[in-house]
Amino acid sequence: MAGETTTTTLNDLVNGYVISPSMLSYAMEYIVATDKFRYYSLIGQNANVLQVARFALDYTVNDNGASLDNEFDGTEGTALSLTALDTDQVQFTCSEFAVARAITDNVYEDSIMGASLISMVMQDAAHLLSMAVEAAGCALFGSLSNVSGSSGSDATIAQAIACADGIRTRGTNAPDGVVFTLDNVQWSDLKTAAVATSTSVVTYGQSAEQILGLSRNPNQYSAARMVGTIYGIPVYETGVTATANAGADVAGACWTPSSPGNDPHATFAYVDKRPFRMEIERDALLRSDVAVFSRRCAVGEASDFSGGALVTDA
């Protein structure tokens, strides 16, 4: 039959949908590494580079005592030869991270979110720039000179343990412990390896997962992203680790995080120059507000011997 009155014929009167005043969250990465870097501040300082000095070691760690066997022996009545006290240093150069959004007047006037929209935009920009810094921090893992793993091969539990053990044998004093930050693929590889080794999980309580100290955090989907432990070492999982070997591999790490006890040996550092800032500029020609969000900071390697990279197949 023709001539019915429908939502199509009355499309100027009928709403097609109702917009909820609340917004759903999108899937996102989390901050699992840079929040554990040693913190320094250049805020208000008239320089963009931070230099941190340290004494150079006068013997070699883990050489079976070869550099200490007679180098510092003294003889009664004999003058000592002088040993120079040397220093070396690391530098951190700050760079800028920024994003801009242009929001037209119509959006404010016609949106059900209205005045609260700019607050939501600011929160989104803060997360975006924080993740840009996080990616820069995770990219440092591959620059560590001490590397475990095998290019093109899946991560193994033995490689992860060797990565952690190397930190101790190189002489790092980390009284508050070390952490793993691993790529999603690497953590999946380790769980798969543990299950494959645990051939009698149902029959025997002492499965390979328990013997190897590999456990899973039941709340691994929380924002903290602490997904489990290896030999009691916390494991944090992320999807922003950098690739290595022309993209064939990914680079995770076991490293020494910042804490009151660990700071003299902290592997990585974060330097703040300009905290997160929002500035709004009015563009009358476009009838819009341009919101600019920025921060200046640096992330860098503070101590090479207190961390180790785990480079395995992507």
Protein backbone atom coordinates (compact mmCIF):
# COMPACT_ATOMS: atom_id res chain seq x y z
CA MET A 1 0.00 0.00 0.00
CA ALA A 2 1.27 3.49 -0.83
CA GLY A 3 1.01 6.72 1.13
CA GLU A 4 2.06 5.47 4.60
CA THR A 5 3.45 7.99 7.07
CA THR A 6 6.84 6.68 8.24
CA THR A 7 10.01 7.87 9.93
CA THR A 8 11.36 8.42 6.42
CA THR A 9 8.56 10.76 5.38
CA LEU A 10 8.81 12.58 8.69
CA ASN A 11 12.62 12.55 8.80
CA ASP A 12 12.68 16.24 9.72
CA LEU A 13 10.75 15.47 12.91
CA VAL A 14 12.06 12.07 13.94
CA ASN A 15 15.47 11.71 15.60
CA GLY A 16 17.60 9.01 14.04
CA TYR A 17 19.38 8.25 17.33
CA VAL A 18 19.97 9.45 20.85
CA ILE A 19 23.51 10.44 21.80
CA SER A 20 24.57 9.40 25.26
CA PRO A 21 26.24 12.17 27.29
CA SER A 22 28.92 9.69 28.38
CA MET A 23 31.73 8.37 26.20
CA LEU A 24 33.23 4.92 26.03
CA SER A 25 36.98 4.53 26.41
CA TYR A 26 39.04 3.31 23.48
CA ALA A 27 41.61 0.54 23.74
CA MET A 28 44.90 2.04 24.83
CA GLU A 29 48.45 1.32 25.86
CA TYR A 30 49.55 2.02 29.43
CA ILE A 31 52.56 3.60 31.08
CA VAL A 32 54.62 0.65 32.36
CA ALA A 33 58.22 1.83 31.95
CA THR A 34 58.86 5.59 32.13
CA ASP A 35 57.00 5.92 35.43
CA LYS A 36 59.84 3.84 36.90
CA PHE A 37 62.71 5.90 35.42
CA ARG A 38 64.86 7.96 37.79
CA TYR A 39 63.46 11.50 37.84
CA TYR A 40 65.43 14.73 37.35
CA SER A 41 64.11 18.25 36.80
CA LEU A 42 65.38 21.11 34.63
CA ILE A 43 62.24 23.16 35.18
CA GLY A 44 63.28 26.80 35.58
CA GLN A 45 66.91 26.04 34.71
CA ASN A 46 68.56 27.93 31.83
CA ALA A 47 69.80 24.80 30.07
CA ASN A 48 68.30 22.02 27.97
CA VAL A 49 70.88 19.34 28.80
CA LEU A 50 71.40 17.54 32.11
CA GLN A 51 74.83 16.03 32.81
CA VAL A 52 75.29 13.46 35.56
CA ALA A 53 78.80 12.40 36.63
CA ARG A 54 80.05 9.20 38.25
CA PHE A 55 83.39 7.73 39.26
CA ALA A 56 85.07 5.34 36.85
CA LEU A 57 85.66 1.89 38.34
CA ASP A 58 89.30 0.90 38.98
CA TYR A 59 88.74 -2.82 38.60
CA THR A 60 86.67 -5.18 36.43
CA VAL A 61 83.54 -6.81 37.84
CA ASN A 62 83.14 -10.58 37.37
CA ASP A 63 86.68 -11.27 36.11
CA ASN A 64 87.48 -13.89 38.77
CA GLY A 65 89.57 -11.35 40.66
CA ALA A 66 92.10 -10.83 37.86
CA SER A 67 92.05 -7.05 38.23
CA LEU A 68 92.39 -7.25 42.05
CA ASP A 69 94.93 -10.05 42.56
CA ASN A 70 97.96 -7.82 43.21
CA GLU A 71 97.15 -4.35 41.84
CA PHE A 72 96.46 -2.91 45.29
CA ASP A 73 98.99 -4.82 47.37
CA GLY A 74 101.05 -2.69 49.73
CA THR A 75 104.60 -3.27 51.01
CA GLU A 76 105.84 -1.92 54.34
CA GLY A 77 108.21 1.00 53.93
CA THR A 78 107.55 1.26 50.21
CA ALA A 79 105.85 4.30 48.72
CA LEU A 80 102.56 3.66 46.97
CA SER A 81 102.21 4.48 43.31
CA LEU A 82 99.40 6.87 42.51
CA THR A 83 96.13 5.70 41.02
CA ALA A 84 94.22 8.48 39.27
CA LEU A 85 90.59 9.00 40.28
CA ASP A 86 88.63 9.34 37.04
CA THR A 87 85.06 10.26 36.26
CA ASP A 88 82.78 9.75 33.33
CA GLN A 89 79.33 11.18 32.67
CA VAL A 90 76.02 10.74 30.90
CA GLN A 91 73.97 13.52 29.31
CA PHE A 92 70.24 13.89 28.72
CA THR A 93 68.99 16.35 26.08
CA CYS A 94 65.35 17.43 26.31
CA SER A 95 63.06 17.48 23.29
CA GLU A 96 59.49 18.63 22.71
CA PHE A 97 56.31 16.59 22.28
CA ALA A 98 53.18 18.42 21.12
CA VAL A 99 49.73 18.04 19.54
CA ALA A 100 47.16 20.64 18.41
CA ARG A 101 43.36 20.40 18.05
CA ALA A 102 41.07 22.97 16.41
CA ILE A 103 37.53 23.00 17.83
CA THR A 104 34.90 25.08 16.06
CA ASP A 105 32.28 27.14 17.88
CA ASN A 106 29.54 24.95 16.45
CA VAL A 107 30.92 21.98 18.34
CA TYR A 108 30.55 23.80 21.66
CA GLU A 109 27.16 25.22 20.77
CA ASP A 110 25.60 22.10 19.27
CA SER A 111 27.26 19.30 21.23
CA ILE A 112 25.51 17.72 24.19
CA MET A 113 28.90 17.63 25.91
CA GLY A 114 29.31 21.36 25.61
CA ALA A 115 31.62 22.94 28.16
CA SER A 116 32.99 19.59 29.37
CA LEU A 117 34.35 18.81 25.90
CA ILE A 118 37.61 20.73 26.33
CA SER A 119 38.34 18.80 29.54
CA MET A 120 37.89 15.53 27.67
CA VAL A 121 40.13 16.74 24.84
CA MET A 122 42.80 17.74 27.37
CA GLN A 123 42.73 14.30 29.02
CA ASP A 124 43.04 12.63 25.64
CA ALA A 125 46.01 14.83 24.67
CA ALA A 126 47.75 14.17 27.99
CA HIS A 127 47.51 10.44 27.41
CA LEU A 128 48.66 10.77 23.81
CA LEU A 129 51.81 12.73 24.70
CA SER A 130 52.54 10.47 27.67
CA MET A 131 52.46 7.47 25.36
CA ALA A 132 54.80 9.23 22.91
CA VAL A 133 57.30 9.65 25.76
CA GLU A 134 56.71 6.03 26.82
CA ALA A 135 57.53 4.81 23.31
CA ALA A 136 60.74 6.85 23.37
CA GLY A 137 61.62 5.28 26.72
CA CYS A 138 60.95 1.72 25.57
CA ALA A 139 63.07 2.38 22.46
CA LEU A 140 66.08 2.61 24.82
CA PHE A 141 65.93 -1.12 25.59
CA GLY A 142 67.65 -2.11 22.35
CA SER A 143 70.57 0.25 23.06
CA LEU A 144 71.66 -1.70 26.14
CA SER A 145 74.97 -3.36 25.37
CA ASN A 146 74.19 -6.51 27.35
CA VAL A 147 71.83 -8.58 25.19
CA SER A 148 70.13 -11.94 25.70
CA GLY A 149 67.95 -13.78 23.23
CA SER A 150 68.37 -14.96 19.66
CA SER A 151 67.33 -13.04 16.56
CA GLY A 152 64.43 -14.71 14.76
CA SER A 153 63.72 -17.12 17.62
CA ASP A 154 60.93 -17.01 20.22
CA ALA A 155 61.80 -15.87 23.73
CA THR A 156 62.63 -18.66 26.16
CA ILE A 157 62.55 -18.83 29.94
CA ALA A 158 66.28 -19.57 29.99
CA GLN A 159 66.99 -16.37 28.03
CA ALA A 160 64.83 -14.30 30.39
CA ILE A 161 66.62 -15.73 33.43
CA ALA A 162 70.04 -15.08 31.83
CA CYS A 163 68.97 -11.50 31.12
CA ALA A 164 68.15 -10.96 34.80
CA ASP A 165 71.17 -12.84 36.17
CA GLY A 166 73.54 -10.75 34.06
CA ILE A 167 72.54 -7.63 35.96
CA ARG A 168 73.68 -9.16 39.25
CA THR A 169 76.94 -10.60 37.91
CA ARG A 170 77.88 -7.21 36.43
CA GLY A 171 77.91 -5.80 39.95
CA THR A 172 74.61 -3.95 40.19
CA ASN A 173 73.31 -3.35 43.70
CA ALA A 174 69.52 -3.20 43.38
CA PRO A 175 68.19 -3.71 46.92
CA ASP A 176 64.65 -2.89 45.80
CA GLY A 177 64.77 -5.38 42.93
CA VAL A 178 64.66 -5.27 39.14
CA VAL A 179 61.76 -5.47 36.66
CA PHE A 180 61.03 -6.94 33.25
CA THR A 181 59.35 -4.81 30.59
CA LEU A 182 58.50 -7.18 27.75
CA ASP A 183 56.78 -6.97 24.41
CA ASN A 184 53.37 -8.65 24.17
CA VAL A 185 54.86 -11.34 21.93
CA GLN A 186 57.71 -12.07 24.35
CA TRP A 187 55.39 -12.55 27.32
CA SER A 188 53.19 -14.84 25.23
CA ASP A 189 56.28 -16.84 24.21
CA LEU A 190 57.31 -17.31 27.85
CA LYS A 191 53.86 -18.48 28.93
CA THR A 192 53.75 -20.90 26.01
CA ALA A 193 57.19 -22.23 26.90
CA ALA A 194 56.16 -22.80 30.51
CA VAL A 195 53.03 -24.71 29.50
CA ALA A 196 55.02 -26.84 27.05
CA THR A 197 57.50 -27.72 29.82
CA SER A 198 54.73 -28.51 32.31
CA THR A 199 53.77 -31.92 30.91
CA SER A 200 52.22 -33.05 34.18
CA VAL A 201 50.47 -29.92 35.43
CA VAL A 202 47.28 -31.78 36.34
CA THR A 203 49.03 -34.69 38.06
CA TYR A 204 51.78 -32.87 39.89
CA GLY A 205 51.41 -29.64 41.83
CA GLN A 206 55.05 -28.74 41.24
CA SER A 207 54.58 -27.86 37.58
CA ALA A 208 57.27 -26.22 35.53
CA GLU A 209 55.56 -22.86 35.94
CA GLN A 210 55.95 -23.13 39.72
CA ILE A 211 59.48 -24.52 39.65
CA LEU A 212 60.62 -21.78 37.27
CA GLY A 213 58.91 -19.12 39.31
CA LEU A 214 56.78 -18.00 36.37
CA SER A 215 53.37 -16.86 37.54
CA ARG A 216 50.49 -14.92 36.07
CA ASN A 217 48.79 -11.98 37.74
CA PRO A 218 45.02 -12.65 37.88
CA ASN A 219 44.46 -8.89 37.53
CA GLN A 220 46.72 -8.55 34.49
CA TYR A 221 44.12 -6.48 32.63
CA SER A 222 44.35 -3.57 35.04
CA ALA A 223 46.02 -0.31 34.08
CA ALA A 224 49.16 -1.32 36.01
CA ARG A 225 49.75 -4.11 33.44
CA MET A 226 51.87 -6.12 35.88
CA VAL A 227 51.08 -9.41 34.17
CA GLY A 228 53.14 -11.84 36.25
CA THR A 229 56.56 -12.73 37.62
CA ILE A 230 59.65 -14.66 36.58
CA TYR A 231 61.66 -15.92 39.57
CA GLY A 232 59.78 -13.35 41.61
CA ILE A 233 60.75 -10.47 39.29
CA PRO A 234 57.70 -8.39 38.25
CA VAL A 235 56.86 -8.52 34.54
CA TYR A 236 55.18 -5.59 32.78
CA GLU A 237 53.80 -6.07 29.28
CA THR A 238 53.51 -3.44 26.56
CA GLY A 239 52.88 -3.04 22.86
CA VAL A 240 55.21 -0.06 22.32
CA THR A 241 58.61 -1.74 22.53
CA ALA A 242 60.76 -0.95 19.50
CA THR A 243 61.69 -3.45 16.83
CA ALA A 244 65.25 -4.58 16.12
CA ASN A 245 67.19 -6.24 13.32
CA ALA A 246 65.24 -4.57 10.50
CA GLY A 247 61.90 -5.26 12.18
CA ALA A 248 62.44 -9.00 12.54
CA ASP A 249 62.70 -8.83 16.34
CA VAL A 250 61.37 -6.91 19.33
CA ALA A 251 63.45 -5.58 22.23
CA GLY A 252 62.28 -5.98 25.80
CA ALA A 253 64.50 -5.61 28.86
CA CYS A 254 65.21 -6.52 32.45
CA TRP A 255 66.37 -3.38 34.22
CA THR A 256 66.79 -1.55 37.52
CA PRO A 257 63.90 0.84 38.25
CA SER A 258 64.07 4.02 40.30
CA SER A 259 63.57 3.74 44.06
CA PRO A 260 65.34 5.13 47.15
CA GLY A 261 67.60 2.08 47.29
CA ASN A 262 68.04 1.58 43.54
CA ASP A 263 68.67 5.15 42.37
CA PRO A 264 72.51 5.00 42.36
CA HIS A 265 72.19 2.15 39.82
CA ALA A 266 68.93 3.10 38.05
CA THR A 267 69.14 2.03 34.40
CA PHE A 268 67.10 4.82 32.82
CA ALA A 269 66.29 8.43 33.68
CA TYR A 270 63.55 10.92 32.90
CA VAL A 271 64.31 14.65 32.83
CA ASP A 272 61.46 17.16 33.02
CA LYS A 273 61.94 20.54 31.33
CA ARG A 274 58.36 21.68 30.65
CA PRO A 275 55.50 19.83 32.37
CA PHE A 276 52.38 19.06 30.34
CA ARG A 277 50.83 22.37 29.31
CA MET A 278 47.62 23.39 27.54
CA GLU A 279 47.27 26.72 25.70
CA ILE A 280 44.15 27.91 23.88
CA GLU A 281 44.40 30.40 21.03
CA ARG A 282 41.32 32.05 19.55
CA ASP A 283 41.05 32.02 15.74
CA ALA A 284 38.21 34.42 14.96
CA LEU A 285 38.50 33.93 11.20
CA LEU A 286 37.73 30.24 11.59
CA ARG A 287 35.37 30.78 14.56
CA SER A 288 37.27 28.18 16.50
CA ASP A 289 39.61 27.60 19.41
CA VAL A 290 43.00 26.04 18.71
CA ALA A 291 44.11 24.00 21.71
CA VAL A 292 47.84 23.29 21.81
CA PHE A 293 49.21 20.68 24.20
CA SER A 294 52.94 20.27 24.76
CA ARG A 295 55.69 19.06 27.06
CA ARG A 296 59.51 19.04 27.01
CA CYS A 297 61.48 16.22 28.53
CA ALA A 298 64.23 13.70 27.97
CA VAL A 299 64.51 9.97 28.48
CA GLY A 300 67.89 8.29 28.40
CA GLU A 301 70.15 5.50 29.59
CA ALA A 302 71.79 6.34 32.92
CA SER A 303 73.61 3.08 33.67
CA ASP A 304 74.35 0.46 31.03
CA PHE A 305 75.53 -2.23 33.44
CA SER A 306 72.29 -2.29 35.46
CA GLY A 307 70.06 -3.48 32.63
CA GLY A 308 69.96 -6.07 29.89
CA ALA A 309 68.05 -6.27 26.62
CA LEU A 310 66.01 -9.30 25.60
CA VAL A 311 65.90 -9.34 21.80
CA THR A 312 63.75 -12.08 20.29
CA ASP A 313 61.49 -12.82 17.34
CA ALA A 314 58.64 -10.43 16.68
